[in-house]
């Protein structure tokens, strides 16, 4: 009832003032009323930068008492205007003052020289870089090494175990047995040797009945092969298997090779041999059904040839054990040819 009376009163007032009010004035009144309705519905309007610029510019043209028509407070309009003025007098920031930062390759070179040569001081590293055409101050070298946790020379009393093994790997060879089950559930034993420096693998033999006599004969065959190719190894690593008996060790001792036995139940002491067993299983033997002893020997020979000539190794900087230097750089179109190994 109240809304009906209010509607009749407003309708009569609009009809009586229609002759005096312009349609534009009435439109302004309607827009102002709609603005009040929107203010009741929206707690905080989502304004963009262009909206702020427009309202700030309009506020400078309207008198202060008319600012009530804006959807924001007068303090907000003044703050927007101050931000526009501050942005006018803000210049673009150029390069930071001081020396430009060093290239990442220079930092990497400094850290590498310090780690690989622990007895080199700051001035020595500076001189080595100068030979390469890189000019840095010794204070810069000091700052780089300090940031990477490296102090002044000497930084260590000696090489780490990894560096020591890599330095001694040229004269070390390791051997071990592993078993393969045929399709008829017959157990075959494989004896192999691996050179730690080159990762070159020598297949000594495959048998179903390994013993000390058989292992000793395979050791003699290997020593003959190594005498023809290169100097005999300085050290031989193997576990405490009973098949590696006294005569087996005497074959290598006669050639000047010192035998090192690993501790009990310590496969990590012969890590290179254990890792090759994992590789040959996961890449070859787990995908082939072995029929006989002759079949296993042929499969292993083919895989060892692939392992030495075609398979890249992370421990050799992605080279192959039997590679001769770096391959030529390919500058033209790349052409790939696929060749099956062990039926793919």
C-alpha atoms as a PDB file:
ATOM      1  CA  UNK A   1       0.000   0.000   0.000  1.00  0.00           C
ATOM      2  CA  UNK A   2       2.836   2.401   0.904  1.00  0.00           C
ATOM      3  CA  UNK A   3       4.720   1.644  -2.321  1.00  0.00           C
ATOM      4  CA  UNK A   4       1.579   2.296  -4.372  1.00  0.00           C
ATOM      5  CA  UNK A   5       1.034   5.704  -2.751  1.00  0.00           C
ATOM      6  CA  UNK A   6       4.743   6.544  -3.253  1.00  0.00           C
ATOM      7  CA  UNK A   7       4.513   5.579  -6.914  1.00  0.00           C
ATOM      8  CA  UNK A   8       1.454   7.836  -7.451  1.00  0.00           C
ATOM      9  CA  UNK A   9       3.150  10.776  -5.732  1.00  0.00           C
ATOM     10  CA  UNK A  10       6.346  10.442  -7.805  1.00  0.00           C
ATOM     11  CA  UNK A  11       4.348   9.999 -11.004  1.00  0.00           C
ATOM     12  CA  UNK A  12       2.379  13.193 -10.294  1.00  0.00           C
ATOM     13  CA  UNK A  13       5.538  15.145  -9.462  1.00  0.00           C
ATOM     14  CA  UNK A  14       7.232  14.040 -12.670  1.00  0.00           C
ATOM     15  CA  UNK A  15       4.166  14.936 -14.739  1.00  0.00           C
ATOM     16  CA  UNK A  16       3.883  18.410 -13.194  1.00  0.00           C
ATOM     17  CA  UNK A  17       7.626  19.116 -13.639  1.00  0.00           C
ATOM     18  CA  UNK A  18       7.887  17.681 -17.114  1.00  0.00           C
ATOM     19  CA  UNK A  19       7.257  21.065 -18.659  1.00  0.00           C
ATOM     20  CA  UNK A  20       9.992  22.671 -16.536  1.00  0.00           C
ATOM     21  CA  UNK A  21      12.679  19.882 -16.579  1.00  0.00           C
ATOM     22  CA  UNK A  22      14.661  18.962 -19.606  1.00  0.00           C
ATOM     23  CA  UNK A  23      14.832  15.296 -20.552  1.00  0.00           C
ATOM     24  CA  UNK A  24      18.600  15.426 -20.013  1.00  0.00           C
ATOM     25  CA  UNK A  25      18.146  16.675 -16.460  1.00  0.00           C
ATOM     26  CA  UNK A  26      15.750  13.838 -15.731  1.00  0.00           C
ATOM     27  CA  UNK A  27      18.236  11.401 -17.241  1.00  0.00           C
ATOM     28  CA  UNK A  28      20.927  12.711 -14.890  1.00  0.00           C
ATOM     29  CA  UNK A  29      18.611  12.171 -11.922  1.00  0.00           C
ATOM     30  CA  UNK A  30      17.948   8.597 -13.067  1.00  0.00           C
ATOM     31  CA  UNK A  31      21.669   7.908 -13.487  1.00  0.00           C
ATOM     32  CA  UNK A  32      22.446   9.275 -10.041  1.00  0.00           C
ATOM     33  CA  UNK A  33      19.817   7.049  -8.519  1.00  0.00           C
ATOM     34  CA  UNK A  34      21.181   4.013 -10.340  1.00  0.00           C
ATOM     35  CA  UNK A  35      24.644   4.904  -9.056  1.00  0.00           C
ATOM     36  CA  UNK A  36      23.354   4.873  -5.472  1.00  0.00           C
ATOM     37  CA  UNK A  37      21.820   1.447  -6.124  1.00  0.00           C
ATOM     38  CA  UNK A  38      25.115   0.112  -7.442  1.00  0.00           C
ATOM     39  CA  UNK A  39      26.977   1.485  -4.436  1.00  0.00           C
ATOM     40  CA  UNK A  40      24.713  -0.507  -2.153  1.00  0.00           C
ATOM     41  CA  UNK A  41      25.463  -3.723  -4.116  1.00  0.00           C
ATOM     42  CA  UNK A  42      29.224  -3.368  -4.667  1.00  0.00           C
ATOM     43  CA  UNK A  43      31.434  -2.883  -1.617  1.00  0.00           C
ATOM     44  CA  UNK A  44      34.556  -2.073  -3.636  1.00  0.00           C
ATOM     45  CA  UNK A  45      34.420  -1.458  -7.388  1.00  0.00           C
ATOM     46  CA  UNK A  46      37.013  -3.060  -9.653  1.00  0.00           C
ATOM     47  CA  UNK A  47      38.674  -0.081 -11.302  1.00  0.00           C
ATOM     48  CA  UNK A  48      41.325  -0.210 -14.003  1.00  0.00           C
ATOM     49  CA  UNK A  49      44.118   2.263 -14.560  1.00  0.00           C
ATOM     50  CA  UNK A  50      42.195   4.013 -17.328  1.00  0.00           C
ATOM     51  CA  UNK A  51      39.227   4.416 -14.948  1.00  0.00           C
ATOM     52  CA  UNK A  52      41.437   5.996 -12.316  1.00  0.00           C
ATOM     53  CA  UNK A  53      42.958   8.398 -14.855  1.00  0.00           C
ATOM     54  CA  UNK A  54      39.512   9.471 -16.098  1.00  0.00           C
ATOM     55  CA  UNK A  55      38.073  10.036 -12.626  1.00  0.00           C
ATOM     56  CA  UNK A  56      41.201  11.879 -11.455  1.00  0.00           C
ATOM     57  CA  UNK A  57      41.096  14.191 -14.469  1.00  0.00           C
ATOM     58  CA  UNK A  58      37.344  14.774 -14.063  1.00  0.00           C
ATOM     59  CA  UNK A  59      37.796  15.668 -10.385  1.00  0.00           C
ATOM     60  CA  UNK A  60      40.066  18.589 -11.344  1.00  0.00           C
ATOM     61  CA  UNK A  61      37.329  20.007 -13.592  1.00  0.00           C
ATOM     62  CA  UNK A  62      34.420  19.678 -11.141  1.00  0.00           C
ATOM     63  CA  UNK A  63      34.056  21.743  -7.959  1.00  0.00           C
ATOM     64  CA  UNK A  64      34.763  20.041  -4.668  1.00  0.00           C
ATOM     65  CA  UNK A  65      31.126  19.955  -3.586  1.00  0.00           C
ATOM     66  CA  UNK A  66      30.213  17.886  -6.671  1.00  0.00           C
ATOM     67  CA  UNK A  67      32.640  15.105  -5.804  1.00  0.00           C
ATOM     68  CA  UNK A  68      29.879  13.228  -4.039  1.00  0.00           C
ATOM     69  CA  UNK A  69      28.843  11.857  -7.439  1.00  0.00           C
ATOM     70  CA  UNK A  70      32.047   9.808  -7.683  1.00  0.00           C
ATOM     71  CA  UNK A  71      32.053   6.190  -6.581  1.00  0.00           C
ATOM     72  CA  UNK A  72      35.221   6.728  -4.521  1.00  0.00           C
ATOM     73  CA  UNK A  73      36.062   9.058  -1.674  1.00  0.00           C
ATOM     74  CA  UNK A  74      37.730  12.458  -2.238  1.00  0.00           C
ATOM     75  CA  UNK A  75      40.872  11.198  -0.494  1.00  0.00           C
ATOM     76  CA  UNK A  76      41.167   8.452  -3.101  1.00  0.00           C
ATOM     77  CA  UNK A  77      40.857  10.943  -5.948  1.00  0.00           C
ATOM     78  CA  UNK A  78      43.582  13.116  -4.456  1.00  0.00           C
ATOM     79  CA  UNK A  79      45.848  10.106  -3.961  1.00  0.00           C
ATOM     80  CA  UNK A  80      45.417   9.082  -7.595  1.00  0.00           C
ATOM     81  CA  UNK A  81      46.283  12.567  -8.720  1.00  0.00           C
ATOM     82  CA  UNK A  82      49.439  12.612  -6.590  1.00  0.00           C
ATOM     83  CA  UNK A  83      50.496   9.292  -8.093  1.00  0.00           C
ATOM     84  CA  UNK A  84      50.082  10.665 -11.622  1.00  0.00           C
ATOM     85  CA  UNK A  85      52.186  13.704 -10.741  1.00  0.00           C
ATOM     86  CA  UNK A  86      54.886  11.494  -9.177  1.00  0.00           C
ATOM     87  CA  UNK A  87      54.954   9.286 -12.254  1.00  0.00           C
ATOM     88  CA  UNK A  88      55.485  12.345 -14.440  1.00  0.00           C
ATOM     89  CA  UNK A  89      58.726  13.170 -12.609  1.00  0.00           C
ATOM     90  CA  UNK A  90      59.957   9.583 -12.366  1.00  0.00           C
ATOM     91  CA  UNK A  91      62.629   8.766 -14.907  1.00  0.00           C
ATOM     92  CA  UNK A  92      63.291   5.349 -16.276  1.00  0.00           C
ATOM     93  CA  UNK A  93      65.872   3.443 -14.343  1.00  0.00           C
ATOM     94  CA  UNK A  94      68.950   2.643 -16.364  1.00  0.00           C
ATOM     95  CA  UNK A  95      71.817   0.326 -15.550  1.00  0.00           C
ATOM     96  CA  UNK A  96      72.721   0.072 -11.912  1.00  0.00           C
ATOM     97  CA  UNK A  97      75.794   2.032 -10.911  1.00  0.00           C
ATOM     98  CA  UNK A  98      79.060   0.185 -10.590  1.00  0.00           C
ATOM     99  CA  UNK A  99      80.812  -2.468 -12.605  1.00  0.00           C
ATOM    100  CA  UNK A 100      78.728  -4.787 -14.798  1.00  0.00           C
ATOM    101  CA  UNK A 101      78.287  -8.332 -13.473  1.00  0.00           C
ATOM    102  CA  UNK A 102      80.668 -11.046 -14.624  1.00  0.00           C
ATOM    103  CA  UNK A 103      79.584 -13.507 -17.252  1.00  0.00           C
ATOM    104  CA  UNK A 104      78.454 -16.877 -15.912  1.00  0.00           C
ATOM    105  CA  UNK A 105      81.093 -18.673 -17.993  1.00  0.00           C
ATOM    106  CA  UNK A 106      83.860 -16.632 -16.317  1.00  0.00           C
ATOM    107  CA  UNK A 107      82.538 -17.497 -12.856  1.00  0.00           C
ATOM    108  CA  UNK A 108      82.345 -21.173 -13.832  1.00  0.00           C
ATOM    109  CA  UNK A 109      85.939 -21.065 -15.127  1.00  0.00           C
ATOM    110  CA  UNK A 110      87.222 -19.522 -11.868  1.00  0.00           C
ATOM    111  CA  UNK A 111      85.462 -22.119  -9.712  1.00  0.00           C
ATOM    112  CA  UNK A 112      86.621 -24.982 -11.906  1.00  0.00           C
ATOM    113  CA  UNK A 113      90.256 -23.882 -11.833  1.00  0.00           C
ATOM    114  CA  UNK A 114      90.115 -23.573  -8.052  1.00  0.00           C
ATOM    115  CA  UNK A 115      88.519 -26.979  -7.497  1.00  0.00           C
ATOM    116  CA  UNK A 116      90.715 -28.884  -9.913  1.00  0.00           C
ATOM    117  CA  UNK A 117      93.888 -27.137  -8.705  1.00  0.00           C
ATOM    118  CA  UNK A 118      93.538 -26.768  -4.928  1.00  0.00           C
ATOM    119  CA  UNK A 119      97.051 -25.358  -4.507  1.00  0.00           C
ATOM    120  CA  UNK A 120      96.515 -22.406  -6.838  1.00  0.00           C
ATOM    121  CA  UNK A 121      96.063 -19.038  -5.163  1.00  0.00           C
ATOM    122  CA  UNK A 122      94.057 -16.036  -6.316  1.00  0.00           C
ATOM    123  CA  UNK A 123      96.918 -14.497  -8.323  1.00  0.00           C
ATOM    124  CA  UNK A 124      97.737 -17.819 -10.006  1.00  0.00           C
ATOM    125  CA  UNK A 125      94.125 -18.253 -11.093  1.00  0.00           C
ATOM    126  CA  UNK A 126      94.121 -14.647 -12.323  1.00  0.00           C
ATOM    127  CA  UNK A 127      97.209 -15.388 -14.406  1.00  0.00           C
ATOM    128  CA  UNK A 128      95.763 -18.576 -15.879  1.00  0.00           C
ATOM    129  CA  UNK A 129      92.633 -16.695 -16.926  1.00  0.00           C
ATOM    130  CA  UNK A 130      94.753 -13.935 -18.443  1.00  0.00           C
ATOM    131  CA  UNK A 131      96.373 -16.524 -20.702  1.00  0.00           C
ATOM    132  CA  UNK A 132      92.877 -17.309 -22.004  1.00  0.00           C
ATOM    133  CA  UNK A 133      92.137 -13.639 -22.666  1.00  0.00           C
ATOM    134  CA  UNK A 134      89.933 -13.221 -19.568  1.00  0.00           C
ATOM    135  CA  UNK A 135      90.872 -10.237 -17.410  1.00  0.00           C
ATOM    136  CA  UNK A 136      89.659 -10.295 -13.824  1.00  0.00           C
ATOM    137  CA  UNK A 137      91.206  -8.936 -10.640  1.00  0.00           C
ATOM    138  CA  UNK A 138      92.475 -11.129  -7.855  1.00  0.00           C
ATOM    139  CA  UNK A 139      89.940  -9.536  -5.516  1.00  0.00           C
ATOM    140  CA  UNK A 140      87.199 -10.627  -7.926  1.00  0.00           C
ATOM    141  CA  UNK A 141      88.596 -14.174  -7.876  1.00  0.00           C
ATOM    142  CA  UNK A 142      88.573 -14.075  -4.080  1.00  0.00           C
ATOM    143  CA  UNK A 143      84.972 -12.890  -4.011  1.00  0.00           C
ATOM    144  CA  UNK A 144      83.850 -15.628  -6.439  1.00  0.00           C
ATOM    145  CA  UNK A 145      85.566 -18.397  -4.502  1.00  0.00           C
ATOM    146  CA  UNK A 146      84.213 -17.126  -1.200  1.00  0.00           C
ATOM    147  CA  UNK A 147      80.676 -17.135  -2.620  1.00  0.00           C
ATOM    148  CA  UNK A 148      81.138 -20.804  -3.609  1.00  0.00           C
ATOM    149  CA  UNK A 149      82.572 -21.816  -0.245  1.00  0.00           C
ATOM    150  CA  UNK A 150      86.190 -22.066  -1.412  1.00  0.00           C
ATOM    151  CA  UNK A 151      88.882 -20.493   0.726  1.00  0.00           C
ATOM    152  CA  UNK A 152      92.439 -19.469  -0.140  1.00  0.00           C
ATOM    153  CA  UNK A 153      95.057 -21.978  -1.273  1.00  0.00           C
ATOM    154  CA  UNK A 154      95.714 -24.663  -0.271  1.00  0.00           C
ATOM    155  CA  UNK A 155      92.025 -25.447  -0.167  1.00  0.00           C
ATOM    156  CA  UNK A 156      92.463 -29.150   0.634  1.00  0.00           C
ATOM    157  CA  UNK A 157      95.272 -31.359   1.903  1.00  0.00           C
ATOM    158  CA  UNK A 158      94.793 -33.809  -0.931  1.00  0.00           C
ATOM    159  CA  UNK A 159      92.446 -35.031  -3.664  1.00  0.00           C
ATOM    160  CA  UNK A 160      89.053 -36.488  -2.884  1.00  0.00           C
ATOM    161  CA  UNK A 161      88.335 -40.201  -3.240  1.00  0.00           C
ATOM    162  CA  UNK A 162      86.662 -39.595  -6.601  1.00  0.00           C
ATOM    163  CA  UNK A 163      89.661 -37.678  -7.919  1.00  0.00           C
ATOM    164  CA  UNK A 164      92.045 -40.290  -6.525  1.00  0.00           C
ATOM    165  CA  UNK A 165      90.216 -43.168  -8.186  1.00  0.00           C
ATOM    166  CA  UNK A 166      90.038 -41.334 -11.494  1.00  0.00           C
ATOM    167  CA  UNK A 167      93.773 -40.643 -11.345  1.00  0.00           C
ATOM    168  CA  UNK A 168      94.554 -44.291 -10.551  1.00  0.00           C
ATOM    169  CA  UNK A 169      91.959 -45.828 -12.875  1.00  0.00           C
ATOM    170  CA  UNK A 170      94.373 -46.135 -15.786  1.00  0.00           C
ATOM    171  CA  UNK A 171      95.985 -49.180 -14.214  1.00  0.00           C
ATOM    172  CA  UNK A 172      92.996 -50.862 -12.548  1.00  0.00           C
ATOM    173  CA  UNK A 173      90.950 -53.774 -13.892  1.00  0.00           C
ATOM    174  CA  UNK A 174      88.053 -55.492 -12.121  1.00  0.00           C
ATOM    175  CA  UNK A 175      86.435 -58.891 -12.576  1.00  0.00           C
ATOM    176  CA  UNK A 176      83.375 -60.702 -11.329  1.00  0.00           C
ATOM    177  CA  UNK A 177      80.888 -63.506 -12.021  1.00  0.00           C
ATOM    178  CA  UNK A 178      77.179 -63.207 -12.716  1.00  0.00           C
ATOM    179  CA  UNK A 179      74.566 -65.834 -13.492  1.00  0.00           C
ATOM    180  CA  UNK A 180      72.025 -66.175 -16.300  1.00  0.00           C
ATOM    181  CA  UNK A 181      69.051 -68.546 -16.317  1.00  0.00           C
ATOM    182  CA  UNK A 182      68.257 -70.213 -19.628  1.00  0.00           C
ATOM    183  CA  UNK A 183      64.795 -70.917 -20.957  1.00  0.00           C
ATOM    184  CA  UNK A 184      65.193 -74.498 -19.596  1.00  0.00           C
ATOM    185  CA  UNK A 185      66.064 -73.093 -16.105  1.00  0.00           C
ATOM    186  CA  UNK A 186      69.716 -74.052 -16.419  1.00  0.00           C
ATOM    187  CA  UNK A 187      72.148 -71.739 -14.599  1.00  0.00           C
ATOM    188  CA  UNK A 188      75.095 -70.404 -16.586  1.00  0.00           C
ATOM    189  CA  UNK A 189      78.020 -68.483 -15.091  1.00  0.00           C
ATOM    190  CA  UNK A 190      79.703 -65.565 -16.896  1.00  0.00           C
ATOM    191  CA  UNK A 191      83.196 -64.328 -16.026  1.00  0.00           C
ATOM    192  CA  UNK A 192      84.129 -60.857 -17.304  1.00  0.00           C
ATOM    193  CA  UNK A 193      86.820 -58.234 -16.805  1.00  0.00           C
ATOM    194  CA  UNK A 194      86.325 -54.455 -17.111  1.00  0.00           C
ATOM    195  CA  UNK A 195      88.965 -51.739 -17.401  1.00  0.00           C
ATOM    196  CA  UNK A 196      88.051 -48.864 -15.079  1.00  0.00           C
ATOM    197  CA  UNK A 197      89.634 -46.080 -17.121  1.00  0.00           C
ATOM    198  CA  UNK A 198      88.148 -46.927 -20.519  1.00  0.00           C
ATOM    199  CA  UNK A 199      85.128 -49.065 -19.455  1.00  0.00           C
ATOM    200  CA  UNK A 200      86.297 -51.671 -21.964  1.00  0.00           C
ATOM    201  CA  UNK A 201      84.797 -55.076 -21.179  1.00  0.00           C
ATOM    202  CA  UNK A 202      86.495 -58.434 -21.829  1.00  0.00           C
ATOM    203  CA  UNK A 203      84.307 -61.531 -21.846  1.00  0.00           C
ATOM    204  CA  UNK A 204      86.437 -64.277 -20.295  1.00  0.00           C
ATOM    205  CA  UNK A 205      84.025 -67.154 -20.769  1.00  0.00           C
ATOM    206  CA  UNK A 206      80.668 -68.794 -20.113  1.00  0.00           C
ATOM    207  CA  UNK A 207      80.285 -72.126 -18.362  1.00  0.00           C
ATOM    208  CA  UNK A 208      77.755 -74.169 -16.442  1.00  0.00           C
ATOM    209  CA  UNK A 209      80.329 -75.616 -14.026  1.00  0.00           C
ATOM    210  CA  UNK A 210      82.782 -72.915 -12.899  1.00  0.00           C
ATOM    211  CA  UNK A 211      85.697 -73.880 -10.691  1.00  0.00           C
ATOM    212  CA  UNK A 212      89.134 -72.618  -9.797  1.00  0.00           C
ATOM    213  CA  UNK A 213      90.852 -74.440 -12.671  1.00  0.00           C
ATOM    214  CA  UNK A 214      88.491 -72.963 -15.271  1.00  0.00           C
ATOM    215  CA  UNK A 215      88.814 -69.424 -13.835  1.00  0.00           C
ATOM    216  CA  UNK A 216      92.621 -69.703 -13.779  1.00  0.00           C
ATOM    217  CA  UNK A 217      92.704 -70.676 -17.441  1.00  0.00           C
ATOM    218  CA  UNK A 218      90.518 -67.695 -18.347  1.00  0.00           C
ATOM    219  CA  UNK A 219      92.942 -65.464 -16.433  1.00  0.00           C
ATOM    220  CA  UNK A 220      95.847 -66.791 -18.505  1.00  0.00           C
ATOM    221  CA  UNK A 221      93.945 -66.103 -21.720  1.00  0.00           C
ATOM    222  CA  UNK A 222      93.259 -62.542 -20.597  1.00  0.00           C
ATOM    223  CA  UNK A 223      96.892 -61.838 -19.691  1.00  0.00           C
ATOM    224  CA  UNK A 224      97.987 -63.041 -23.134  1.00  0.00           C
ATOM    225  CA  UNK A 225      95.435 -60.721 -24.716  1.00  0.00           C
ATOM    226  CA  UNK A 226      96.505 -57.755 -22.603  1.00  0.00           C
ATOM    227  CA  UNK A 227     100.197 -58.360 -23.333  1.00  0.00           C
ATOM    228  CA  UNK A 228      99.419 -58.114 -27.037  1.00  0.00           C
ATOM    229  CA  UNK A 229      97.354 -54.942 -26.726  1.00  0.00           C
ATOM    230  CA  UNK A 230      99.004 -52.904 -23.970  1.00  0.00           C
ATOM    231  CA  UNK A 231     100.872 -53.090 -20.690  1.00  0.00           C
ATOM    232  CA  UNK A 232      99.411 -55.317 -17.955  1.00  0.00           C
ATOM    233  CA  UNK A 233      97.265 -53.625 -15.329  1.00  0.00           C
ATOM    234  CA  UNK A 234      98.731 -52.436 -12.044  1.00  0.00           C
ATOM    235  CA  UNK A 235      95.828 -53.621  -9.872  1.00  0.00           C
ATOM    236  CA  UNK A 236      93.125 -56.263 -10.112  1.00  0.00           C
ATOM    237  CA  UNK A 237      89.958 -56.019  -8.014  1.00  0.00           C
ATOM    238  CA  UNK A 238      87.791 -59.039  -7.260  1.00  0.00           C
ATOM    239  CA  UNK A 239      85.707 -60.380  -4.407  1.00  0.00           C
ATOM    240  CA  UNK A 240      86.486 -63.304  -2.109  1.00  0.00           C
ATOM    241  CA  UNK A 241      84.808 -65.978  -4.219  1.00  0.00           C
ATOM    242  CA  UNK A 242      86.461 -69.386  -3.804  1.00  0.00           C
ATOM    243  CA  UNK A 243      86.877 -69.628  -7.582  1.00  0.00           C
ATOM    244  CA  UNK A 244      89.400 -66.746  -7.350  1.00  0.00           C
ATOM    245  CA  UNK A 245      91.922 -68.985  -5.579  1.00  0.00           C
ATOM    246  CA  UNK A 246      95.689 -68.820  -5.251  1.00  0.00           C
ATOM    247  CA  UNK A 247      96.567 -69.949  -8.800  1.00  0.00           C
ATOM    248  CA  UNK A 248      94.181 -67.334 -10.211  1.00  0.00           C
ATOM    249  CA  UNK A 249      95.985 -64.548  -8.344  1.00  0.00           C
ATOM    250  CA  UNK A 250      99.403 -65.947  -9.207  1.00  0.00           C
ATOM    251  CA  UNK A 251      98.684 -65.549 -12.918  1.00  0.00           C
ATOM    252  CA  UNK A 252      98.298 -61.802 -12.466  1.00  0.00           C
ATOM    253  CA  UNK A 253     101.093 -61.520  -9.895  1.00  0.00           C
ATOM    254  CA  UNK A 254     103.507 -63.076 -12.417  1.00  0.00           C
ATOM    255  CA  UNK A 255     102.732 -60.208 -14.791  1.00  0.00           C
ATOM    256  CA  UNK A 256     103.336 -57.526 -12.147  1.00  0.00           C
ATOM    257  CA  UNK A 257      99.689 -56.983 -11.221  1.00  0.00           C
ATOM    258  CA  UNK A 258      98.766 -56.541  -7.569  1.00  0.00           C
ATOM    259  CA  UNK A 259      95.538 -58.278  -6.530  1.00  0.00           C
ATOM    260  CA  UNK A 260      93.122 -56.395  -4.246  1.00  0.00           C
ATOM    261  CA  UNK A 261      90.336 -58.374  -2.602  1.00  0.00           C
ATOM    262  CA  UNK A 262      87.185 -56.547  -1.601  1.00  0.00           C
ATOM    263  CA  UNK A 263      85.791 -56.838   1.945  1.00  0.00           C
ATOM    264  CA  UNK A 264      83.112 -59.359   2.791  1.00  0.00           C
ATOM    265  CA  UNK A 265      79.605 -58.475   1.594  1.00  0.00           C
ATOM    266  CA  UNK A 266      80.761 -55.171   0.121  1.00  0.00           C
ATOM    267  CA  UNK A 267      79.579 -55.035  -3.510  1.00  0.00           C
ATOM    268  CA  UNK A 268      80.203 -51.276  -3.632  1.00  0.00           C
ATOM    269  CA  UNK A 269      83.919 -51.946  -3.323  1.00  0.00           C
ATOM    270  CA  UNK A 270      83.694 -53.381  -6.850  1.00  0.00           C
ATOM    271  CA  UNK A 271      81.214 -50.819  -8.099  1.00  0.00           C
ATOM    272  CA  UNK A 272      82.318 -50.689 -11.757  1.00  0.00           C
ATOM    273  CA  UNK A 273      81.835 -54.417 -12.245  1.00  0.00           C
ATOM    274  CA  UNK A 274      78.505 -54.412 -10.411  1.00  0.00           C
ATOM    275  CA  UNK A 275      77.293 -51.489 -12.513  1.00  0.00           C
ATOM    276  CA  UNK A 276      78.147 -53.297 -15.737  1.00  0.00           C
ATOM    277  CA  UNK A 277      76.179 -56.342 -14.596  1.00  0.00           C
ATOM    278  CA  UNK A 278      73.157 -54.087 -14.056  1.00  0.00           C
ATOM    279  CA  UNK A 279      73.641 -52.509 -17.491  1.00  0.00           C
ATOM    280  CA  UNK A 280      73.930 -55.776 -19.421  1.00  0.00           C
ATOM    281  CA  UNK A 281      70.861 -57.145 -17.649  1.00  0.00           C
ATOM    282  CA  UNK A 282      68.578 -54.132 -18.135  1.00  0.00           C
ATOM    283  CA  UNK A 283      69.639 -53.423 -21.729  1.00  0.00           C
ATOM    284  CA  UNK A 284      70.130 -56.932 -23.090  1.00  0.00           C
ATOM    285  CA  UNK A 285      69.542 -60.081 -21.054  1.00  0.00           C
ATOM    286  CA  UNK A 286      66.176 -59.085 -19.587  1.00  0.00           C
ATOM    287  CA  UNK A 287      64.775 -58.898 -23.133  1.00  0.00           C
ATOM    288  CA  UNK A 288      66.128 -62.153 -24.572  1.00  0.00           C
ATOM    289  CA  UNK A 289      65.373 -65.794 -23.776  1.00  0.00           C
ATOM    290  CA  UNK A 290      68.695 -67.634 -23.602  1.00  0.00           C
ATOM    291  CA  UNK A 291      68.551 -71.127 -25.074  1.00  0.00           C
ATOM    292  CA  UNK A 292      72.030 -72.509 -24.443  1.00  0.00           C
ATOM    293  CA  UNK A 293      75.588 -71.746 -23.420  1.00  0.00           C
ATOM    294  CA  UNK A 294      76.625 -71.041 -26.999  1.00  0.00           C
ATOM    295  CA  UNK A 295      73.655 -68.723 -27.486  1.00  0.00           C
ATOM    296  CA  UNK A 296      74.558 -66.736 -24.362  1.00  0.00           C
ATOM    297  CA  UNK A 297      78.177 -66.357 -25.480  1.00  0.00           C
ATOM    298  CA  UNK A 298      77.102 -65.043 -28.891  1.00  0.00           C
ATOM    299  CA  UNK A 299      74.630 -62.600 -27.345  1.00  0.00           C
ATOM    300  CA  UNK A 300      77.204 -61.262 -24.895  1.00  0.00           C
ATOM    301  CA  UNK A 301      79.832 -60.845 -27.613  1.00  0.00           C
ATOM    302  CA  UNK A 302      77.418 -58.800 -29.741  1.00  0.00           C
ATOM    303  CA  UNK A 303      76.395 -56.649 -26.793  1.00  0.00           C
ATOM    304  CA  UNK A 304      79.994 -56.053 -25.665  1.00  0.00           C
ATOM    305  CA  UNK A 305      80.864 -54.933 -29.185  1.00  0.00           C
ATOM    306  CA  UNK A 306      77.929 -52.503 -29.073  1.00  0.00           C
ATOM    307  CA  UNK A 307      78.908 -51.428 -25.546  1.00  0.00           C
ATOM    308  CA  UNK A 308      82.463 -50.616 -26.598  1.00  0.00           C
ATOM    309  CA  UNK A 309      81.930 -49.044 -30.016  1.00  0.00           C
ATOM    310  CA  UNK A 310      78.455 -47.521 -30.135  1.00  0.00           C
ATOM    311  CA  UNK A 311      77.113 -46.854 -26.626  1.00  0.00           C
ATOM    312  CA  UNK A 312      78.020 -43.430 -25.120  1.00  0.00           C
ATOM    313  CA  UNK A 313      79.038 -43.343 -21.449  1.00  0.00           C
ATOM    314  CA  UNK A 314      78.440 -40.538 -18.990  1.00  0.00           C
ATOM    315  CA  UNK A 315      81.663 -41.400 -17.162  1.00  0.00           C
ATOM    316  CA  UNK A 316      83.597 -40.792 -20.399  1.00  0.00           C
ATOM    317  CA  UNK A 317      81.958 -37.459 -21.313  1.00  0.00           C
ATOM    318  CA  UNK A 318      79.440 -39.290 -23.535  1.00  0.00           C
ATOM    319  CA  UNK A 319      82.173 -41.001 -25.541  1.00  0.00           C
ATOM    320  CA  UNK A 320      82.488 -44.702 -26.307  1.00  0.00           C
ATOM    321  CA  UNK A 321      85.236 -46.860 -24.746  1.00  0.00           C
ATOM    322  CA  UNK A 322      86.867 -47.545 -28.122  1.00  0.00           C
ATOM    323  CA  UNK A 323      86.373 -44.085 -29.659  1.00  0.00           C
ATOM    324  CA  UNK A 324      89.355 -42.359 -31.261  1.00  0.00           C
ATOM    325  CA  UNK A 325      89.100 -38.697 -30.322  1.00  0.00           C
ATOM    326  CA  UNK A 326      86.143 -36.399 -30.877  1.00  0.00           C
ATOM    327  CA  UNK A 327      83.978 -36.997 -33.954  1.00  0.00           C
ATOM    328  CA  UNK A 328      83.904 -34.299 -36.656  1.00  0.00           C
ATOM    329  CA  UNK A 329      81.334 -31.572 -36.155  1.00  0.00           C
ATOM    330  CA  UNK A 330      78.248 -31.938 -38.306  1.00  0.00           C
ATOM    331  CA  UNK A 331      77.445 -28.699 -40.135  1.00  0.00           C
ATOM    332  CA  UNK A 332      75.016 -29.886 -42.774  1.00  0.00           C
ATOM    333  CA  UNK A 333      71.836 -31.904 -42.747  1.00  0.00           C
ATOM    334  CA  UNK A 334      71.722 -34.790 -40.284  1.00  0.00           C
ATOM    335  CA  UNK A 335      71.178 -38.245 -41.750  1.00  0.00           C
ATOM    336  CA  UNK A 336      70.434 -41.147 -39.426  1.00  0.00           C
ATOM    337  CA  UNK A 337      70.808 -44.804 -40.338  1.00  0.00           C
ATOM    338  CA  UNK A 338      69.370 -47.523 -38.128  1.00  0.00           C
ATOM    339  CA  UNK A 339      71.162 -50.827 -37.649  1.00  0.00           C
ATOM    340  CA  UNK A 340      69.681 -53.650 -35.631  1.00  0.00           C
ATOM    341  CA  UNK A 341      71.748 -55.188 -32.823  1.00  0.00           C
ATOM    342  CA  UNK A 342      70.553 -58.516 -31.379  1.00  0.00           C
ATOM    343  CA  UNK A 343      67.376 -58.344 -33.459  1.00  0.00           C
ATOM    344  CA  UNK A 344      66.654 -54.827 -32.288  1.00  0.00           C
END
